[in-house]
PDB file of N, CA and C in Angstrom:
ATOM      1  N   MET A   1       0.835  -1.169  -0.005  1.00  0.00           N
ATOM      2  CA  MET A   1       0.005   0.000   0.001  1.00  0.00           C
ATOM      3  C   MET A   1       0.885   1.247  -0.002  1.00  0.00           C
ATOM      4  N   ALA A   2       1.939   1.253   0.802  1.00  0.00           N
ATOM      5  CA  ALA A   2       2.812   2.429   0.854  1.00  0.00           C
ATOM      6  C   ALA A   2       3.457   2.663  -0.500  1.00  0.00           C
ATOM      7  N   GLY A   3       3.901   1.598  -1.151  1.00  0.00           N
ATOM      8  CA  GLY A   3       4.499   1.744  -2.465  1.00  0.00           C
ATOM      9  C   GLY A   3       3.526   2.284  -3.488  1.00  0.00           C
ATOM     10  N   GLN A   4       2.307   1.792  -3.429  1.00  0.00           N
ATOM     11  CA  GLN A   4       1.289   2.278  -4.364  1.00  0.00           C
ATOM     12  C   GLN A   4       0.945   3.730  -4.080  1.00  0.00           C
ATOM     13  N   GLY A   5       1.089   4.156  -2.832  1.00  0.00           N
ATOM     14  CA  GLY A   5       0.828   5.545  -2.489  1.00  0.00           C
ATOM     15  C   GLY A   5       1.790   6.533  -3.154  1.00  0.00           C
ATOM     16  N   MET A   6       2.913   6.012  -3.675  1.00  0.00           N
ATOM     17  CA  MET A   6       3.874   6.857  -4.369  1.00  0.00           C
ATOM     18  C   MET A   6       3.244   7.493  -5.610  1.00  0.00           C
ATOM     19  N   VAL A   7       2.214   6.880  -6.128  1.00  0.00           N
ATOM     20  CA  VAL A   7       1.491   7.487  -7.267  1.00  0.00           C
ATOM     21  C   VAL A   7       0.957   8.860  -6.836  1.00  0.00           C
ATOM     22  N   ALA A   8       0.452   8.934  -5.614  1.00  0.00           N
ATOM     23  CA  ALA A   8      -0.098  10.208  -5.115  1.00  0.00           C
ATOM     24  C   ALA A   8       1.023  11.238  -4.883  1.00  0.00           C
ATOM     25  N   VAL A   9       2.185  10.792  -4.479  1.00  0.00           N
ATOM     26  CA  VAL A   9       3.315  11.706  -4.301  1.00  0.00           C
ATOM     27  C   VAL A   9       3.597  12.389  -5.622  1.00  0.00           C
ATOM     28  N   GLU A  10       3.719  11.592  -6.667  1.00  0.00           N
ATOM     29  CA  GLU A  10       3.997  12.158  -7.994  1.00  0.00           C
ATOM     30  C   GLU A  10       2.842  13.010  -8.510  1.00  0.00           C
ATOM     31  N   LEU A  11       1.628  12.571  -8.243  1.00  0.00           N
ATOM     32  CA  LEU A  11       0.453  13.330  -8.675  1.00  0.00           C
ATOM     33  C   LEU A  11       0.437  14.703  -8.037  1.00  0.00           C
ATOM     34  N   LEU A  12       0.631  14.783  -6.739  1.00  0.00           N
ATOM     35  CA  LEU A  12       0.568  16.073  -6.050  1.00  0.00           C
ATOM     36  C   LEU A  12       1.744  16.985  -6.430  1.00  0.00           C
ATOM     37  N   GLU A  13       2.876  16.402  -6.803  1.00  0.00           N
ATOM     38  CA  GLU A  13       3.991  17.226  -7.263  1.00  0.00           C
ATOM     39  C   GLU A  13       3.646  17.932  -8.574  1.00  0.00           C
ATOM     40  N   GLN A  14       2.807  17.327  -9.379  1.00  0.00           N
ATOM     41  CA  GLN A  14       2.460  17.881 -10.690  1.00  0.00           C
ATOM     42  C   GLN A  14       1.119  18.608 -10.707  1.00  0.00           C
ATOM     43  N   ALA A  15       0.297  18.382  -9.694  1.00  0.00           N
ATOM     44  CA  ALA A  15      -1.054  18.952  -9.703  1.00  0.00           C
ATOM     45  C   ALA A  15      -1.050  20.382  -9.191  1.00  0.00           C
ATOM     46  N   PRO A  16      -2.003  21.188  -9.680  1.00  0.00           N
ATOM     47  CA  PRO A  16      -2.086  22.563  -9.174  1.00  0.00           C
ATOM     48  C   PRO A  16      -2.517  22.590  -7.717  1.00  0.00           C
ATOM     49  N   ASP A  17      -2.208  23.664  -7.045  1.00  0.00           N
ATOM     50  CA  ASP A  17      -2.550  23.803  -5.625  1.00  0.00           C
ATOM     51  C   ASP A  17      -4.049  23.768  -5.362  1.00  0.00           C
ATOM     52  N   ASP A  18      -4.860  24.147  -6.371  1.00  0.00           N
ATOM     53  CA  ASP A  18      -6.305  24.164  -6.166  1.00  0.00           C
ATOM     54  C   ASP A  18      -6.985  22.873  -6.640  1.00  0.00           C
ATOM     55  N   LEU A  19      -6.227  21.777  -6.697  1.00  0.00           N
ATOM     56  CA  LEU A  19      -6.814  20.483  -7.060  1.00  0.00           C
ATOM     57  C   LEU A  19      -7.995  20.179  -6.143  1.00  0.00           C
ATOM     58  N   ALA A  20      -9.147  19.883  -6.725  1.00  0.00           N
ATOM     59  CA  ALA A  20     -10.358  19.682  -5.932  1.00  0.00           C
ATOM     60  C   ALA A  20     -10.628  18.224  -5.597  1.00  0.00           C
ATOM     61  N   ALA A  21     -10.351  17.312  -6.550  1.00  0.00           N
ATOM     62  CA  ALA A  21     -10.735  15.918  -6.335  1.00  0.00           C
ATOM     63  C   ALA A  21      -9.793  14.996  -7.109  1.00  0.00           C
ATOM     64  N   VAL A  22      -9.658  13.766  -6.571  1.00  0.00           N
ATOM     65  CA  VAL A  22      -8.900  12.726  -7.237  1.00  0.00           C
ATOM     66  C   VAL A  22      -9.783  11.486  -7.257  1.00  0.00           C
ATOM     67  N   PHE A  23      -9.924  10.865  -8.432  1.00  0.00           N
ATOM     68  CA  PHE A  23     -10.715   9.659  -8.600  1.00  0.00           C
ATOM     69  C   PHE A  23      -9.757   8.495  -8.778  1.00  0.00           C
ATOM     70  N   ILE A  24      -9.915   7.452  -7.930  1.00  0.00           N
ATOM     71  CA  ILE A  24      -8.978   6.338  -7.897  1.00  0.00           C
ATOM     72  C   ILE A  24      -9.714   5.014  -8.055  1.00  0.00           C
ATOM     73  N   ALA A  25      -9.191   4.134  -8.902  1.00  0.00           N
ATOM     74  CA  ALA A  25      -9.741   2.781  -9.023  1.00  0.00           C
ATOM     75  C   ALA A  25      -9.529   2.044  -7.709  1.00  0.00           C
ATOM     76  N   VAL A  26     -10.575   1.379  -7.237  1.00  0.00           N
ATOM     77  CA  VAL A  26     -10.506   0.697  -5.924  1.00  0.00           C
ATOM     78  C   VAL A  26      -9.864  -0.670  -6.040  1.00  0.00           C
ATOM     79  N   GLY A  27     -10.374  -1.562  -6.862  1.00  0.00           N
ATOM     80  CA  GLY A  27      -9.825  -2.916  -6.958  1.00  0.00           C
ATOM     81  C   GLY A  27      -9.776  -3.569  -5.598  1.00  0.00           C
ATOM     82  N   GLY A  28      -8.598  -4.030  -5.190  1.00  0.00           N
ATOM     83  CA  GLY A  28      -8.420  -4.672  -3.884  1.00  0.00           C
ATOM     84  C   GLY A  28      -8.211  -3.678  -2.751  1.00  0.00           C
ATOM     85  N   GLY A  29      -8.035  -2.429  -3.067  1.00  0.00           N
ATOM     86  CA  GLY A  29      -7.934  -1.382  -2.050  1.00  0.00           C
ATOM     87  C   GLY A  29      -6.547  -0.825  -1.791  1.00  0.00           C
ATOM     88  N   GLY A  30      -5.498  -1.511  -2.239  1.00  0.00           N
ATOM     89  CA  GLY A  30      -4.153  -1.059  -1.960  1.00  0.00           C
ATOM     90  C   GLY A  30      -3.808   0.278  -2.592  1.00  0.00           C
ATOM     91  N   LEU A  31      -4.097   0.426  -3.869  1.00  0.00           N
ATOM     92  CA  LEU A  31      -3.825   1.679  -4.566  1.00  0.00           C
ATOM     93  C   LEU A  31      -4.643   2.815  -3.961  1.00  0.00           C
ATOM     94  N   ALA A  32      -5.937   2.588  -3.803  1.00  0.00           N
ATOM     95  CA  ALA A  32      -6.814   3.636  -3.249  1.00  0.00           C
ATOM     96  C   ALA A  32      -6.401   4.011  -1.835  1.00  0.00           C
ATOM     97  N   GLY A  33      -6.100   2.995  -1.027  1.00  0.00           N
ATOM     98  CA  GLY A  33      -5.712   3.261   0.353  1.00  0.00           C
ATOM     99  C   GLY A  33      -4.411   4.016   0.458  1.00  0.00           C
ATOM    100  N   GLY A  34      -3.420   3.585  -0.319  1.00  0.00           N
ATOM    101  CA  GLY A  34      -2.118   4.281  -0.297  1.00  0.00           C
ATOM    102  C   GLY A  34      -2.206   5.706  -0.803  1.00  0.00           C
ATOM    103  N   MET A  35      -2.917   5.885  -1.901  1.00  0.00           N
ATOM    104  CA  MET A  35      -3.051   7.230  -2.456  1.00  0.00           C
ATOM    105  C   MET A  35      -3.865   8.133  -1.548  1.00  0.00           C
ATOM    106  N   ALA A  36      -4.978   7.632  -1.052  1.00  0.00           N
ATOM    107  CA  ALA A  36      -5.842   8.460  -0.186  1.00  0.00           C
ATOM    108  C   ALA A  36      -5.102   8.886   1.072  1.00  0.00           C
ATOM    109  N   THR A  37      -4.307   7.983   1.645  1.00  0.00           N
ATOM    110  CA  THR A  37      -3.563   8.321   2.861  1.00  0.00           C
ATOM    111  C   THR A  37      -2.624   9.496   2.601  1.00  0.00           C
ATOM    112  N   TRP A  38      -1.871   9.422   1.506  1.00  0.00           N
ATOM    113  CA  TRP A  38      -0.930  10.498   1.215  1.00  0.00           C
ATOM    114  C   TRP A  38      -1.642  11.800   0.859  1.00  0.00           C
ATOM    115  N   ILE A  39      -2.654  11.703   0.008  1.00  0.00           N
ATOM    116  CA  ILE A  39      -3.377  12.910  -0.399  1.00  0.00           C
ATOM    117  C   ILE A  39      -3.991  13.630   0.799  1.00  0.00           C
ATOM    118  N   LYS A  40      -4.651  12.884   1.671  1.00  0.00           N
ATOM    119  CA  LYS A  40      -5.272  13.518   2.832  1.00  0.00           C
ATOM    120  C   LYS A  40      -4.263  14.056   3.824  1.00  0.00           C
ATOM    121  N   HIS A  41      -3.072  13.452   3.856  1.00  0.00           N
ATOM    122  CA  HIS A  41      -1.997  13.952   4.715  1.00  0.00           C
ATOM    123  C   HIS A  41      -1.454  15.270   4.207  1.00  0.00           C
ATOM    124  N   ARG A  42      -1.244  15.344   2.891  1.00  0.00           N
ATOM    125  CA  ARG A  42      -0.634  16.529   2.302  1.00  0.00           C
ATOM    126  C   ARG A  42      -1.622  17.631   1.944  1.00  0.00           C
ATOM    127  N   ARG A  43      -2.820  17.227   1.492  1.00  0.00           N
ATOM    128  CA  ARG A  43      -3.835  18.211   1.072  1.00  0.00           C
ATOM    129  C   ARG A  43      -5.205  17.743   1.575  1.00  0.00           C
ATOM    130  N   PRO A  44      -5.510  17.968   2.832  1.00  0.00           N
ATOM    131  CA  PRO A  44      -6.764  17.467   3.416  1.00  0.00           C
ATOM    132  C   PRO A  44      -8.039  17.945   2.730  1.00  0.00           C
ATOM    133  N   ALA A  45      -7.978  19.073   2.034  1.00  0.00           N
ATOM    134  CA  ALA A  45      -9.185  19.614   1.398  1.00  0.00           C
ATOM    135  C   ALA A  45      -9.547  18.873   0.105  1.00  0.00           C
ATOM    136  N   VAL A  46      -8.608  18.097  -0.432  1.00  0.00           N
ATOM    137  CA  VAL A  46      -8.875  17.375  -1.674  1.00  0.00           C
ATOM    138  C   VAL A  46      -9.843  16.226  -1.390  1.00  0.00           C
ATOM    139  N   THR A  47     -10.882  16.121  -2.193  1.00  0.00           N
ATOM    140  CA  THR A  47     -11.841  15.009  -2.086  1.00  0.00           C
ATOM    141  C   THR A  47     -11.290  13.811  -2.839  1.00  0.00           C
ATOM    142  N   VAL A  48     -11.264  12.665  -2.146  1.00  0.00           N
ATOM    143  CA  VAL A  48     -10.816  11.418  -2.760  1.00  0.00           C
ATOM    144  C   VAL A  48     -12.033  10.536  -3.015  1.00  0.00           C
ATOM    145  N   VAL A  49     -12.203  10.092  -4.253  1.00  0.00           N
ATOM    146  CA  VAL A  49     -13.354   9.284  -4.641  1.00  0.00           C
ATOM    147  C   VAL A  49     -12.850   7.939  -5.135  1.00  0.00           C
ATOM    148  N   GLY A  50     -13.301   6.855  -4.510  1.00  0.00           N
ATOM    149  CA  GLY A  50     -12.981   5.502  -4.970  1.00  0.00           C
ATOM    150  C   GLY A  50     -13.950   5.077  -6.045  1.00  0.00           C
ATOM    151  N   CYS A  51     -13.440   4.517  -7.119  1.00  0.00           N
ATOM    152  CA  CYS A  51     -14.264   4.107  -8.250  1.00  0.00           C
ATOM    153  C   CYS A  51     -14.102   2.604  -8.488  1.00  0.00           C
ATOM    154  N   GLN A  52     -15.212   1.960  -8.805  1.00  0.00           N
ATOM    155  CA  GLN A  52     -15.155   0.556  -9.169  1.00  0.00           C
ATOM    156  C   GLN A  52     -16.282   0.258 -10.154  1.00  0.00           C
ATOM    157  N   PRO A  53     -16.117  -0.796 -10.950  1.00  0.00           N
ATOM    158  CA  PRO A  53     -17.149  -1.111 -11.940  1.00  0.00           C
ATOM    159  C   PRO A  53     -18.443  -1.543 -11.240  1.00  0.00           C
ATOM    160  N   ALA A  54     -19.559  -1.177 -11.813  1.00  0.00           N
ATOM    161  CA  ALA A  54     -20.864  -1.591 -11.266  1.00  0.00           C
ATOM    162  C   ALA A  54     -20.978  -3.102 -11.229  1.00  0.00           C
ATOM    163  N   ALA A  55     -20.274  -3.794 -12.124  1.00  0.00           N
ATOM    164  CA  ALA A  55     -20.327  -5.251 -12.197  1.00  0.00           C
ATOM    165  C   ALA A  55     -19.526  -5.933 -11.085  1.00  0.00           C
ATOM    166  N   SER A  56     -18.743  -5.136 -10.319  1.00  0.00           N
ATOM    167  CA  SER A  56     -17.913  -5.717  -9.276  1.00  0.00           C
ATOM    168  C   SER A  56     -17.906  -4.826  -8.042  1.00  0.00           C
ATOM    169  N   PRO A  57     -19.028  -4.770  -7.328  1.00  0.00           N
ATOM    170  CA  PRO A  57     -19.127  -3.902  -6.140  1.00  0.00           C
ATOM    171  C   PRO A  57     -18.622  -4.551  -4.865  1.00  0.00           C
ATOM    172  N   VAL A  58     -17.573  -5.376  -4.964  1.00  0.00           N
ATOM    173  CA  VAL A  58     -17.097  -6.152  -3.817  1.00  0.00           C
ATOM    174  C   VAL A  58     -16.670  -5.228  -2.664  1.00  0.00           C
ATOM    175  N   MET A  59     -15.851  -4.247  -2.936  1.00  0.00           N
ATOM    176  CA  MET A  59     -15.379  -3.350  -1.857  1.00  0.00           C
ATOM    177  C   MET A  59     -16.546  -2.577  -1.265  1.00  0.00           C
ATOM    178  N   TYR A  60     -17.439  -2.095  -2.090  1.00  0.00           N
ATOM    179  CA  TYR A  60     -18.610  -1.370  -1.591  1.00  0.00           C
ATOM    180  C   TYR A  60     -19.417  -2.259  -0.640  1.00  0.00           C
ATOM    181  N   GLU A  61     -19.688  -3.476  -1.041  1.00  0.00           N
ATOM    182  CA  GLU A  61     -20.460  -4.395  -0.203  1.00  0.00           C
ATOM    183  C   GLU A  61     -19.727  -4.731   1.096  1.00  0.00           C
ATOM    184  N   SER A  62     -18.406  -4.827   1.038  1.00  0.00           N
ATOM    185  CA  SER A  62     -17.634  -5.129   2.229  1.00  0.00           C
ATOM    186  C   SER A  62     -17.671  -3.957   3.215  1.00  0.00           C
ATOM    187  N   VAL A  63     -17.483  -2.738   2.703  1.00  0.00           N
ATOM    188  CA  VAL A  63     -17.537  -1.575   3.561  1.00  0.00           C
ATOM    189  C   VAL A  63     -18.922  -1.434   4.175  1.00  0.00           C
ATOM    190  N   LYS A  64     -19.939  -1.641   3.361  1.00  0.00           N
ATOM    191  CA  LYS A  64     -21.337  -1.555   3.842  1.00  0.00           C
ATOM    192  C   LYS A  64     -21.589  -2.559   4.948  1.00  0.00           C
ATOM    193  N   ALA A  65     -21.028  -3.779   4.830  1.00  0.00           N
ATOM    194  CA  ALA A  65     -21.247  -4.839   5.817  1.00  0.00           C
ATOM    195  C   ALA A  65     -20.323  -4.703   7.023  1.00  0.00           C
ATOM    196  N   GLY A  66     -19.282  -3.890   6.891  1.00  0.00           N
ATOM    197  CA  GLY A  66     -18.335  -3.738   8.000  1.00  0.00           C
ATOM    198  C   GLY A  66     -17.369  -4.912   8.128  1.00  0.00           C
ATOM    199  N   ARG A  67     -17.261  -5.704   7.086  1.00  0.00           N
ATOM    200  CA  ARG A  67     -16.363  -6.864   7.068  1.00  0.00           C
ATOM    201  C   ARG A  67     -16.130  -7.270   5.620  1.00  0.00           C
ATOM    202  N   VAL A  68     -15.122  -8.087   5.409  1.00  0.00           N
ATOM    203  CA  VAL A  68     -14.853  -8.577   4.060  1.00  0.00           C
ATOM    204  C   VAL A  68     -15.943  -9.601   3.695  1.00  0.00           C
ATOM    205  N   VAL A  69     -16.574  -9.399   2.557  1.00  0.00           N
ATOM    206  CA  VAL A  69     -17.603 -10.315   2.095  1.00  0.00           C
ATOM    207  C   VAL A  69     -17.199 -10.917   0.746  1.00  0.00           C
ATOM    208  N   GLU A  70     -17.713 -12.068   0.469  1.00  0.00           N
ATOM    209  CA  GLU A  70     -17.569 -12.676  -0.845  1.00  0.00           C
ATOM    210  C   GLU A  70     -18.763 -12.211  -1.684  1.00  0.00           C
ATOM    211  N   TYR A  71     -18.493 -11.881  -2.908  1.00  0.00           N
ATOM    212  CA  TYR A  71     -19.547 -11.345  -3.761  1.00  0.00           C
ATOM    213  C   TYR A  71     -19.306 -11.791  -5.188  1.00  0.00           C
ATOM    214  N   ASP A  72     -20.284 -12.372  -5.819  1.00  0.00           N
ATOM    215  CA  ASP A  72     -20.143 -12.795  -7.211  1.00  0.00           C
ATOM    216  C   ASP A  72     -20.150 -11.579  -8.109  1.00  0.00           C
ATOM    217  N   SER A  73     -19.043 -11.332  -8.761  1.00  0.00           N
ATOM    218  CA  SER A  73     -18.919 -10.208  -9.687  1.00  0.00           C
ATOM    219  C   SER A  73     -19.155 -10.710 -11.104  1.00  0.00           C
ATOM    220  N   GLN A  74     -19.560  -9.808 -11.945  1.00  0.00           N
ATOM    221  CA  GLN A  74     -19.737 -10.088 -13.349  1.00  0.00           C
ATOM    222  C   GLN A  74     -18.488  -9.660 -14.112  1.00  0.00           C
ATOM    223  N   ASP A  75     -18.330 -10.138 -15.339  1.00  0.00           N
ATOM    224  CA  ASP A  75     -17.215  -9.716 -16.158  1.00  0.00           C
ATOM    225  C   ASP A  75     -17.287  -8.225 -16.394  1.00  0.00           C
ATOM    226  N   THR A  76     -16.117  -7.612 -16.503  1.00  0.00           N
ATOM    227  CA  THR A  76     -16.052  -6.167 -16.748  1.00  0.00           C
ATOM    228  C   THR A  76     -14.846  -5.856 -17.609  1.00  0.00           C
ATOM    229  N   LEU A  77     -14.958  -4.833 -18.434  1.00  0.00           N
ATOM    230  CA  LEU A  77     -13.812  -4.404 -19.219  1.00  0.00           C
ATOM    231  C   LEU A  77     -12.741  -3.795 -18.333  1.00  0.00           C
ATOM    232  N   ALA A  78     -13.137  -3.314 -17.175  1.00  0.00           N
ATOM    233  CA  ALA A  78     -12.208  -2.683 -16.225  1.00  0.00           C
ATOM    234  C   ALA A  78     -11.717  -3.693 -15.194  1.00  0.00           C
ATOM    235  N   ASP A  79     -11.162  -4.786 -15.690  1.00  0.00           N
ATOM    236  CA  ASP A  79     -10.775  -5.906 -14.829  1.00  0.00           C
ATOM    237  C   ASP A  79      -9.784  -5.491 -13.724  1.00  0.00           C
ATOM    238  N   GLY A  80      -8.883  -4.561 -14.015  1.00  0.00           N
ATOM    239  CA  GLY A  80      -7.898  -4.142 -13.021  1.00  0.00           C
ATOM    240  C   GLY A  80      -8.500  -3.400 -11.862  1.00  0.00           C
ATOM    241  N   SER A  81      -9.694  -2.868 -12.017  1.00  0.00           N
ATOM    242  CA  SER A  81     -10.368  -2.156 -10.936  1.00  0.00           C
ATOM    243  C   SER A  81     -11.431  -3.001 -10.265  1.00  0.00           C
ATOM    244  N   ALA A  82     -11.580  -4.232 -10.698  1.00  0.00           N
ATOM    245  CA  ALA A  82     -12.567  -5.130 -10.087  1.00  0.00           C
ATOM    246  C   ALA A  82     -12.009  -5.677  -8.771  1.00  0.00           C
ATOM    247  N   GLY A  83     -12.881  -5.938  -7.833  1.00  0.00           N
ATOM    248  CA  GLY A  83     -12.468  -6.519  -6.569  1.00  0.00           C
ATOM    249  C   GLY A  83     -12.343  -8.033  -6.662  1.00  0.00           C
ATOM    250  N   LYS A  84     -12.065  -8.667  -5.555  1.00  0.00           N
ATOM    251  CA  LYS A  84     -11.910 -10.117  -5.535  1.00  0.00           C
ATOM    252  C   LYS A  84     -13.230 -10.802  -5.869  1.00  0.00           C
ATOM    253  N   ARG A  85     -13.131 -11.797  -6.703  1.00  0.00           N
ATOM    254  CA  ARG A  85     -14.322 -12.540  -7.085  1.00  0.00           C
ATOM    255  C   ARG A  85     -14.260 -13.922  -6.490  1.00  0.00           C
ATOM    256  N   ARG A  86     -15.409 -14.487  -6.200  1.00  0.00           N
ATOM    257  CA  ARG A  86     -15.469 -15.859  -5.725  1.00  0.00           C
ATOM    258  C   ARG A  86     -14.831 -16.760  -6.799  1.00  0.00           C
ATOM    259  N   GLY A  87     -14.012 -17.691  -6.375  1.00  0.00           N
ATOM    260  CA  GLY A  87     -13.401 -18.621  -7.310  1.00  0.00           C
ATOM    261  C   GLY A  87     -12.048 -18.184  -7.817  1.00  0.00           C
ATOM    262  N   TRP A  88     -11.556 -17.012  -7.405  1.00  0.00           N
ATOM    263  CA  TRP A  88     -10.211 -16.590  -7.835  1.00  0.00           C
ATOM    264  C   TRP A  88      -9.170 -17.353  -7.084  1.00  0.00           C
TER     265      TRP A  88
END
């Protein structure tokens, strides 16, 4: 997660000071968690939005349940941003 957060270090070095929001693919959560941690540390006013395909709402369902859940996801073109699927 810390290594993936380096994306945010580079992003903020290049982004204007008035950056309002960053949209991050959720997937398994490492990239989003690492980036959000750094962004909120350096620029707390920036809104961080996690994005995932509607066909794979695994992280959403897990957060909603307050625990990791198994969820049957459908195929998606955005495979890299899909969460864990049953049978992987």
